[in-house]
Amino acid sequence: MELVELLDKIDETAPKSCQTCLYMGTHEKCEKCLGPVSAPAYEYNNWVPGNWLRRLDEAERAGRRSIVIGDQGEAEVNVKQSPAEASRHLHYVAEQCGYSVGHLTPSGTGLSLAVCADGCFRLYWDTADKDEGGKLHHIDKIVQPDPITGETVIRSWPKIG
């Protein structure tokens, strides 16, 4: 069973902790949740049981939250960014943090961009997903080799409505 499926089983009977809270991935309700520093135990005042990983994934897919590429968090993209916007941002971050970012290149039916930031990734945009102005807005998938097994891990997003 995968982690996301295990987290679906979290309900009000789960022990209160950050890891069992619906808001763990987005941190919307973390402020003052644990209670005063002088308290003998954490209070979890804002705790809501739920699958934080699924909620985070939904926020990323809708473009309400950016997708972190790599482990450190500096390199991130948003599914609503055009290839040019994502490339410009990632090149800026690469310059500041020592990452490596390639150039936008034609790839299959769209464009791709290689990023090496705590691992190597390739972002893909499909040219069939243009808006009325002819602008690409939607990252279709991010491909990354698993650092341990070497197998390709693909994370994809359905078209945003």
N, C-alpha and C. Protein backbone atom coordinates (compact mmCIF):
# COMPACT_ATOMS: atom_id res chain seq x y z
N MET A 1 0.84 -1.17 0.00
CA MET A 1 0.00 0.00 0.00
C MET A 1 0.90 1.25 0.00
N GLU A 2 0.58 2.21 -0.84
CA GLU A 2 1.37 3.44 -0.93
C GLU A 2 1.00 4.40 0.19
N LEU A 3 1.91 5.34 0.45
CA LEU A 3 1.72 6.31 1.52
C LEU A 3 0.41 7.08 1.35
N VAL A 4 0.11 7.51 0.14
CA VAL A 4 -1.12 8.29 -0.07
C VAL A 4 -2.36 7.48 0.31
N GLU A 5 -2.34 6.19 0.08
CA GLU A 5 -3.47 5.33 0.46
C GLU A 5 -3.55 5.14 1.97
N LEU A 6 -2.41 5.02 2.61
CA LEU A 6 -2.40 4.92 4.08
C LEU A 6 -2.94 6.20 4.71
N LEU A 7 -2.55 7.34 4.15
CA LEU A 7 -3.01 8.62 4.70
C LEU A 7 -4.51 8.81 4.51
N ASP A 8 -5.11 8.15 3.52
CA ASP A 8 -6.56 8.21 3.33
C ASP A 8 -7.31 7.63 4.52
N LYS A 9 -6.64 6.78 5.29
CA LYS A 9 -7.29 6.12 6.43
C LYS A 9 -7.29 6.97 7.70
N ILE A 10 -6.65 8.13 7.66
CA ILE A 10 -6.60 9.00 8.85
C ILE A 10 -7.98 9.55 9.13
N ASP A 11 -8.44 9.37 10.36
CA ASP A 11 -9.72 9.94 10.78
C ASP A 11 -9.57 10.48 12.20
N GLU A 12 -10.67 10.85 12.83
CA GLU A 12 -10.60 11.48 14.15
C GLU A 12 -10.08 10.54 15.25
N THR A 13 -9.94 9.25 14.95
CA THR A 13 -9.39 8.32 15.95
C THR A 13 -7.86 8.29 15.91
N ALA A 14 -7.25 8.93 14.92
CA ALA A 14 -5.79 8.94 14.80
C ALA A 14 -5.18 9.77 15.93
N PRO A 15 -3.98 9.42 16.35
CA PRO A 15 -3.31 10.26 17.34
C PRO A 15 -3.04 11.63 16.74
N LYS A 16 -3.22 12.68 17.53
CA LYS A 16 -2.98 14.03 17.04
C LYS A 16 -1.49 14.25 16.88
N SER A 17 -1.09 14.64 15.68
CA SER A 17 0.29 14.99 15.38
C SER A 17 0.29 15.78 14.08
N CYS A 18 1.41 16.40 13.78
CA CYS A 18 1.52 17.12 12.51
C CYS A 18 1.33 16.16 11.33
N GLN A 19 1.85 14.94 11.45
CA GLN A 19 1.82 13.97 10.37
C GLN A 19 0.41 13.44 10.08
N THR A 20 -0.53 13.61 11.00
CA THR A 20 -1.89 13.14 10.78
C THR A 20 -2.86 14.29 10.53
N CYS A 21 -2.33 15.50 10.36
CA CYS A 21 -3.17 16.69 10.16
C CYS A 21 -3.33 16.99 8.67
N LEU A 22 -4.53 17.34 8.28
CA LEU A 22 -4.87 17.68 6.90
C LEU A 22 -4.01 18.81 6.35
N TYR A 23 -3.55 19.70 7.20
CA TYR A 23 -2.82 20.89 6.76
C TYR A 23 -1.30 20.76 6.81
N MET A 24 -0.77 19.57 7.07
CA MET A 24 0.67 19.41 7.19
C MET A 24 1.41 19.84 5.93
N GLY A 25 0.92 19.47 4.76
CA GLY A 25 1.62 19.77 3.52
C GLY A 25 1.54 21.21 3.09
N THR A 26 0.49 21.93 3.50
CA THR A 26 0.30 23.30 3.07
C THR A 26 0.54 24.32 4.19
N HIS A 27 0.57 23.88 5.42
CA HIS A 27 0.86 24.71 6.59
C HIS A 27 -0.10 25.88 6.78
N GLU A 28 -1.31 25.76 6.28
CA GLU A 28 -2.28 26.86 6.38
C GLU A 28 -2.69 27.17 7.82
N LYS A 29 -2.70 26.16 8.66
CA LYS A 29 -3.21 26.38 10.02
C LYS A 29 -2.20 26.00 11.09
N CYS A 30 -0.93 26.16 10.79
CA CYS A 30 0.11 25.79 11.76
C CYS A 30 0.30 26.83 12.86
N GLU A 31 0.04 28.09 12.55
CA GLU A 31 0.30 29.15 13.53
C GLU A 31 -0.52 28.93 14.80
N LYS A 32 0.16 28.94 15.92
CA LYS A 32 -0.42 28.76 17.26
C LYS A 32 -1.12 27.41 17.46
N CYS A 33 -0.84 26.46 16.59
CA CYS A 33 -1.48 25.14 16.71
C CYS A 33 -0.94 24.37 17.91
N LEU A 34 0.36 24.42 18.12
CA LEU A 34 0.96 23.58 19.17
C LEU A 34 0.72 24.10 20.58
N GLY A 35 0.29 25.34 20.71
CA GLY A 35 0.03 25.90 22.02
C GLY A 35 1.23 26.66 22.55
N PRO A 36 1.15 27.13 23.78
CA PRO A 36 2.25 27.92 24.34
C PRO A 36 3.49 27.07 24.58
N VAL A 37 4.64 27.72 24.51
CA VAL A 37 5.92 27.05 24.72
C VAL A 37 5.98 26.43 26.11
N SER A 38 5.32 27.04 27.07
CA SER A 38 5.37 26.55 28.46
C SER A 38 4.46 25.34 28.70
N ALA A 39 3.63 24.98 27.74
CA ALA A 39 2.71 23.85 27.93
C ALA A 39 3.50 22.55 28.05
N PRO A 40 3.05 21.63 28.91
CA PRO A 40 3.77 20.36 29.09
C PRO A 40 3.68 19.45 27.86
N ALA A 41 2.64 19.61 27.05
CA ALA A 41 2.49 18.79 25.85
C ALA A 41 1.89 19.66 24.74
N TYR A 42 2.09 19.25 23.51
CA TYR A 42 1.50 19.99 22.39
C TYR A 42 -0.01 19.87 22.44
N GLU A 43 -0.69 20.96 22.10
CA GLU A 43 -2.15 20.98 22.17
C GLU A 43 -2.82 20.66 20.84
N TYR A 44 -2.16 20.94 19.71
CA TYR A 44 -2.72 20.72 18.37
C TYR A 44 -4.09 21.38 18.25
N ASN A 45 -4.13 22.67 18.52
CA ASN A 45 -5.38 23.44 18.52
C ASN A 45 -6.09 23.47 17.18
N ASN A 46 -5.36 23.41 16.07
CA ASN A 46 -5.96 23.52 14.73
C ASN A 46 -6.00 22.19 14.00
N TRP A 47 -5.75 21.11 14.68
CA TRP A 47 -5.63 19.78 14.06
C TRP A 47 -6.95 19.35 13.44
N VAL A 48 -6.85 18.92 12.18
CA VAL A 48 -7.98 18.33 11.46
C VAL A 48 -7.45 17.04 10.85
N PRO A 49 -8.07 15.91 11.14
CA PRO A 49 -7.56 14.66 10.58
C PRO A 49 -7.77 14.63 9.07
N GLY A 50 -6.80 14.08 8.35
CA GLY A 50 -6.99 13.97 6.91
C GLY A 50 -5.69 13.68 6.18
N ASN A 51 -5.83 13.48 4.88
CA ASN A 51 -4.72 13.12 4.02
C ASN A 51 -4.04 14.38 3.50
N TRP A 52 -2.99 14.80 4.17
CA TRP A 52 -2.27 16.01 3.80
C TRP A 52 -1.58 15.87 2.45
N LEU A 53 -1.13 14.67 2.10
CA LEU A 53 -0.42 14.47 0.85
C LEU A 53 -1.36 14.64 -0.35
N ARG A 54 -2.56 14.12 -0.24
CA ARG A 54 -3.55 14.28 -1.31
C ARG A 54 -3.95 15.76 -1.44
N ARG A 55 -4.09 16.44 -0.31
CA ARG A 55 -4.45 17.86 -0.33
C ARG A 55 -3.35 18.69 -0.98
N LEU A 56 -2.09 18.39 -0.66
CA LEU A 56 -0.97 19.08 -1.27
C LEU A 56 -0.94 18.84 -2.78
N ASP A 57 -1.15 17.59 -3.19
CA ASP A 57 -1.17 17.24 -4.60
C ASP A 57 -2.27 18.00 -5.35
N GLU A 58 -3.45 18.10 -4.74
CA GLU A 58 -4.56 18.83 -5.36
C GLU A 58 -4.22 20.31 -5.51
N ALA A 59 -3.55 20.90 -4.51
CA ALA A 59 -3.16 22.31 -4.59
C ALA A 59 -2.12 22.52 -5.69
N GLU A 60 -1.19 21.59 -5.84
CA GLU A 60 -0.19 21.69 -6.91
C GLU A 60 -0.84 21.55 -8.28
N ARG A 61 -1.76 20.60 -8.41
CA ARG A 61 -2.43 20.38 -9.70
C ARG A 61 -3.29 21.57 -10.12
N ALA A 62 -3.85 22.27 -9.15
CA ALA A 62 -4.70 23.42 -9.45
C ALA A 62 -3.89 24.70 -9.63
N GLY A 63 -2.60 24.64 -9.33
CA GLY A 63 -1.76 25.82 -9.46
C GLY A 63 -1.84 26.76 -8.27
N ARG A 64 -2.51 26.34 -7.19
CA ARG A 64 -2.58 27.17 -5.98
C ARG A 64 -1.27 27.11 -5.20
N ARG A 65 -0.46 26.13 -5.50
CA ARG A 65 0.83 25.95 -4.82
C ARG A 65 1.84 25.48 -5.86
N SER A 66 3.06 25.96 -5.75
CA SER A 66 4.10 25.55 -6.70
C SER A 66 4.65 24.18 -6.33
N ILE A 67 5.24 23.53 -7.30
CA ILE A 67 5.82 22.19 -7.15
C ILE A 67 7.30 22.36 -6.90
N VAL A 68 7.80 21.83 -5.81
CA VAL A 68 9.21 21.93 -5.48
C VAL A 68 9.96 20.86 -6.26
N ILE A 69 10.99 21.30 -6.96
CA ILE A 69 11.85 20.38 -7.71
C ILE A 69 13.14 20.25 -6.91
N GLY A 70 13.50 19.05 -6.58
CA GLY A 70 14.69 18.83 -5.77
C GLY A 70 14.31 18.83 -4.29
N ASP A 71 15.30 18.67 -3.47
CA ASP A 71 15.05 18.50 -2.05
C ASP A 71 15.08 19.78 -1.24
N GLN A 72 15.75 20.81 -1.73
CA GLN A 72 15.97 22.00 -0.92
C GLN A 72 14.82 22.99 -0.95
N GLY A 73 14.06 23.06 -2.02
CA GLY A 73 12.90 23.94 -2.07
C GLY A 73 13.08 25.23 -2.82
N GLU A 74 14.30 25.56 -3.24
CA GLU A 74 14.48 26.82 -3.97
C GLU A 74 13.92 26.73 -5.38
N ALA A 75 14.13 25.61 -6.03
CA ALA A 75 13.68 25.43 -7.42
C ALA A 75 12.25 24.93 -7.40
N GLU A 76 11.35 25.76 -7.91
CA GLU A 76 9.96 25.34 -7.96
C GLU A 76 9.31 25.88 -9.22
N VAL A 77 8.28 25.19 -9.66
CA VAL A 77 7.51 25.59 -10.84
C VAL A 77 6.03 25.50 -10.49
N ASN A 78 5.23 26.16 -11.28
CA ASN A 78 3.80 26.12 -11.09
C ASN A 78 3.17 25.63 -12.38
N VAL A 79 2.16 24.77 -12.28
CA VAL A 79 1.55 24.21 -13.48
C VAL A 79 0.94 25.29 -14.37
N LYS A 80 0.69 26.47 -13.83
CA LYS A 80 0.11 27.55 -14.62
C LYS A 80 1.17 28.41 -15.31
N GLN A 81 2.46 28.17 -15.04
CA GLN A 81 3.50 28.96 -15.68
C GLN A 81 3.68 28.52 -17.13
N SER A 82 3.95 29.48 -17.99
CA SER A 82 4.30 29.16 -19.37
C SER A 82 5.73 28.61 -19.36
N PRO A 83 6.14 27.94 -20.43
CA PRO A 83 7.52 27.46 -20.48
C PRO A 83 8.53 28.60 -20.29
N ALA A 84 8.27 29.77 -20.90
CA ALA A 84 9.19 30.90 -20.77
C ALA A 84 9.27 31.39 -19.33
N GLU A 85 8.13 31.48 -18.65
CA GLU A 85 8.11 31.92 -17.26
C GLU A 85 8.85 30.94 -16.36
N ALA A 86 8.59 29.65 -16.54
CA ALA A 86 9.26 28.63 -15.73
C ALA A 86 10.76 28.63 -15.99
N SER A 87 11.14 28.72 -17.25
CA SER A 87 12.56 28.74 -17.61
C SER A 87 13.26 29.95 -17.00
N ARG A 88 12.65 31.12 -17.12
CA ARG A 88 13.23 32.36 -16.58
C ARG A 88 13.43 32.23 -15.06
N HIS A 89 12.40 31.74 -14.37
CA HIS A 89 12.50 31.58 -12.91
C HIS A 89 13.57 30.55 -12.53
N LEU A 90 13.58 29.41 -13.19
CA LEU A 90 14.53 28.36 -12.84
C LEU A 90 15.97 28.77 -13.17
N HIS A 91 16.16 29.54 -14.24
CA HIS A 91 17.50 30.03 -14.53
C HIS A 91 17.97 31.02 -13.46
N TYR A 92 17.07 31.84 -12.97
CA TYR A 92 17.41 32.77 -11.89
C TYR A 92 17.82 31.99 -10.63
N VAL A 93 17.02 31.00 -10.26
CA VAL A 93 17.32 30.19 -9.07
C VAL A 93 18.63 29.45 -9.26
N ALA A 94 18.85 28.92 -10.46
CA ALA A 94 20.09 28.19 -10.73
C ALA A 94 21.30 29.08 -10.54
N GLU A 95 21.18 30.31 -11.00
CA GLU A 95 22.29 31.26 -10.85
C GLU A 95 22.57 31.55 -9.37
N GLN A 96 21.53 31.65 -8.57
CA GLN A 96 21.68 31.97 -7.15
C GLN A 96 22.15 30.78 -6.32
N CYS A 97 21.73 29.57 -6.71
CA CYS A 97 21.95 28.39 -5.85
C CYS A 97 22.91 27.35 -6.43
N GLY A 98 23.40 27.57 -7.62
CA GLY A 98 24.36 26.63 -8.18
C GLY A 98 23.73 25.42 -8.86
N TYR A 99 22.48 25.53 -9.25
CA TYR A 99 21.83 24.45 -9.99
C TYR A 99 22.19 24.57 -11.46
N SER A 100 21.76 23.62 -12.22
CA SER A 100 21.98 23.62 -13.66
C SER A 100 20.62 23.54 -14.36
N VAL A 101 20.39 24.43 -15.31
CA VAL A 101 19.14 24.42 -16.06
C VAL A 101 19.50 24.55 -17.54
N GLY A 102 18.92 23.68 -18.35
CA GLY A 102 19.18 23.73 -19.78
C GLY A 102 18.31 24.78 -20.47
N HIS A 103 18.25 24.68 -21.78
CA HIS A 103 17.40 25.58 -22.56
C HIS A 103 16.12 24.87 -22.94
N LEU A 104 15.07 25.63 -23.18
CA LEU A 104 13.83 25.03 -23.68
C LEU A 104 14.13 24.40 -25.03
N THR A 105 13.76 23.14 -25.19
CA THR A 105 14.04 22.44 -26.45
C THR A 105 12.79 21.75 -26.95
N PRO A 106 12.65 21.64 -28.28
CA PRO A 106 11.51 20.89 -28.83
C PRO A 106 11.61 19.44 -28.37
N SER A 107 10.45 18.87 -28.03
CA SER A 107 10.42 17.50 -27.54
C SER A 107 9.08 16.87 -27.89
N GLY A 108 9.07 15.93 -28.80
CA GLY A 108 7.81 15.29 -29.18
C GLY A 108 6.82 16.31 -29.70
N THR A 109 5.70 16.46 -29.00
CA THR A 109 4.66 17.40 -29.42
C THR A 109 4.73 18.71 -28.66
N GLY A 110 5.85 18.99 -28.00
CA GLY A 110 5.92 20.21 -27.21
C GLY A 110 7.32 20.68 -26.94
N LEU A 111 7.52 21.16 -25.73
CA LEU A 111 8.81 21.67 -25.28
C LEU A 111 9.21 20.97 -24.00
N SER A 112 10.52 20.91 -23.76
CA SER A 112 10.99 20.36 -22.50
C SER A 112 12.13 21.22 -21.97
N LEU A 113 12.39 21.06 -20.67
CA LEU A 113 13.42 21.81 -19.99
C LEU A 113 14.08 20.89 -18.99
N ALA A 114 15.42 20.77 -19.06
CA ALA A 114 16.16 19.94 -18.11
C ALA A 114 16.60 20.79 -16.93
N VAL A 115 16.44 20.24 -15.72
CA VAL A 115 16.82 20.93 -14.49
C VAL A 115 17.59 19.94 -13.61
N CYS A 116 18.76 20.35 -13.15
CA CYS A 116 19.50 19.55 -12.18
C CYS A 116 19.59 20.35 -10.89
N ALA A 117 18.76 19.96 -9.93
CA ALA A 117 18.69 20.62 -8.63
C ALA A 117 18.43 19.53 -7.60
N ASP A 118 19.48 19.04 -6.96
CA ASP A 118 19.34 17.90 -6.04
C ASP A 118 18.70 16.72 -6.75
N GLY A 119 19.17 16.42 -7.92
CA GLY A 119 18.63 15.39 -8.79
C GLY A 119 18.36 16.01 -10.15
N CYS A 120 18.18 15.19 -11.15
CA CYS A 120 17.91 15.71 -12.49
C CYS A 120 16.45 15.46 -12.86
N PHE A 121 15.85 16.48 -13.44
CA PHE A 121 14.44 16.46 -13.79
C PHE A 121 14.29 16.95 -15.22
N ARG A 122 13.21 16.56 -15.87
CA ARG A 122 12.86 17.13 -17.17
C ARG A 122 11.39 17.49 -17.11
N LEU A 123 11.09 18.75 -17.41
CA LEU A 123 9.72 19.26 -17.43
C LEU A 123 9.24 19.26 -18.87
N TYR A 124 7.96 18.91 -19.07
CA TYR A 124 7.39 18.85 -20.42
C TYR A 124 6.12 19.69 -20.51
N TRP A 125 5.99 20.42 -21.61
CA TRP A 125 4.77 21.13 -21.97
C TRP A 125 4.33 20.62 -23.33
N ASP A 126 3.04 20.38 -23.51
CA ASP A 126 2.50 19.91 -24.79
C ASP A 126 1.94 21.10 -25.55
N THR A 127 2.38 21.30 -26.79
CA THR A 127 1.94 22.46 -27.57
C THR A 127 0.46 22.39 -27.93
N ALA A 128 -0.19 21.25 -27.74
CA ALA A 128 -1.63 21.16 -27.99
C ALA A 128 -2.43 21.88 -26.89
N ASP A 129 -1.80 22.15 -25.75
CA ASP A 129 -2.48 22.80 -24.62
C ASP A 129 -2.28 24.31 -24.62
N LYS A 130 -2.62 24.97 -25.71
CA LYS A 130 -2.47 26.43 -25.79
C LYS A 130 -3.80 27.10 -25.47
N ASP A 131 -3.72 28.31 -24.89
CA ASP A 131 -4.93 29.09 -24.65
C ASP A 131 -5.30 29.85 -25.93
N GLU A 132 -6.34 30.70 -25.83
CA GLU A 132 -6.81 31.43 -27.01
C GLU A 132 -5.72 32.32 -27.60
N GLY A 133 -4.81 32.80 -26.77
CA GLY A 133 -3.73 33.66 -27.24
C GLY A 133 -2.53 32.89 -27.75
N GLY A 134 -2.63 31.57 -27.79
CA GLY A 134 -1.54 30.74 -28.29
C GLY A 134 -0.44 30.50 -27.27
N LYS A 135 -0.72 30.77 -25.99
CA LYS A 135 0.28 30.64 -24.94
C LYS A 135 0.17 29.28 -24.23
N LEU A 136 1.31 28.64 -24.03
CA LEU A 136 1.35 27.40 -23.25
C LEU A 136 1.23 27.75 -21.77
N HIS A 137 0.36 27.05 -21.06
CA HIS A 137 0.17 27.36 -19.64
C HIS A 137 0.34 26.17 -18.72
N HIS A 138 0.53 25.02 -19.20
CA HIS A 138 0.30 23.85 -18.39
C HIS A 138 1.45 22.86 -18.49
N ILE A 139 2.12 22.62 -17.38
CA ILE A 139 3.14 21.56 -17.36
C ILE A 139 2.41 20.23 -17.43
N ASP A 140 2.77 19.43 -18.41
CA ASP A 140 2.11 18.13 -18.57
C ASP A 140 2.70 17.07 -17.66
N LYS A 141 4.03 17.07 -17.56
CA LYS A 141 4.65 16.05 -16.70
C LYS A 141 6.05 16.47 -16.31
N ILE A 142 6.50 15.87 -15.22
CA ILE A 142 7.87 16.02 -14.75
C ILE A 142 8.43 14.60 -14.65
N VAL A 143 9.57 14.39 -15.28
CA VAL A 143 10.18 13.06 -15.32
C VAL A 143 11.49 13.14 -14.54
N GLN A 144 11.70 12.12 -13.70
CA GLN A 144 12.90 12.08 -12.87
C GLN A 144 13.32 10.62 -12.69
N PRO A 145 14.60 10.32 -12.85
CA PRO A 145 15.06 8.97 -12.51
C PRO A 145 15.10 8.80 -11.00
N ASP A 146 14.61 7.66 -10.52
CA ASP A 146 14.69 7.38 -9.08
C ASP A 146 16.16 7.27 -8.70
N PRO A 147 16.59 8.01 -7.66
CA PRO A 147 18.02 8.01 -7.33
C PRO A 147 18.54 6.67 -6.84
N ILE A 148 17.67 5.80 -6.36
CA ILE A 148 18.12 4.51 -5.84
C ILE A 148 18.02 3.41 -6.90
N THR A 149 16.86 3.28 -7.53
CA THR A 149 16.65 2.20 -8.49
C THR A 149 17.04 2.58 -9.92
N GLY A 150 17.07 3.88 -10.22
CA GLY A 150 17.35 4.32 -11.58
C GLY A 150 16.14 4.28 -12.49
N GLU A 151 15.01 3.74 -11.97
CA GLU A 151 13.79 3.68 -12.78
C GLU A 151 13.22 5.08 -12.97
N THR A 152 12.54 5.29 -14.09
CA THR A 152 11.95 6.58 -14.39
C THR A 152 10.68 6.80 -13.59
N VAL A 153 10.58 7.93 -12.91
CA VAL A 153 9.39 8.32 -12.16
C VAL A 153 8.75 9.45 -12.93
N ILE A 154 7.48 9.29 -13.30
CA ILE A 154 6.76 10.31 -14.07
C ILE A 154 5.62 10.84 -13.22
N ARG A 155 5.56 12.14 -13.07
CA ARG A 155 4.46 12.78 -12.37
C ARG A 155 3.75 13.63 -13.42
N SER A 156 2.47 13.37 -13.64
CA SER A 156 1.76 14.08 -14.70
C SER A 156 0.53 14.79 -14.14
N TRP A 157 0.05 15.77 -14.90
CA TRP A 157 -1.09 16.59 -14.50
C TRP A 157 -2.11 16.60 -15.62
N PRO A 158 -3.40 16.41 -15.28
CA PRO A 158 -4.43 16.55 -16.32
C PRO A 158 -4.55 18.02 -16.68
N LYS A 159 -5.10 18.30 -17.85
CA LYS A 159 -5.27 19.69 -18.28
C LYS A 159 -6.11 20.46 -17.28
N ILE A 160 -5.66 21.67 -16.97
CA ILE A 160 -6.39 22.53 -16.04
C ILE A 160 -7.52 23.18 -16.77
N GLY A 161 -8.73 23.12 -16.20
CA GLY A 161 -9.91 23.62 -16.88
C GLY A 161 -10.10 25.07 -16.87
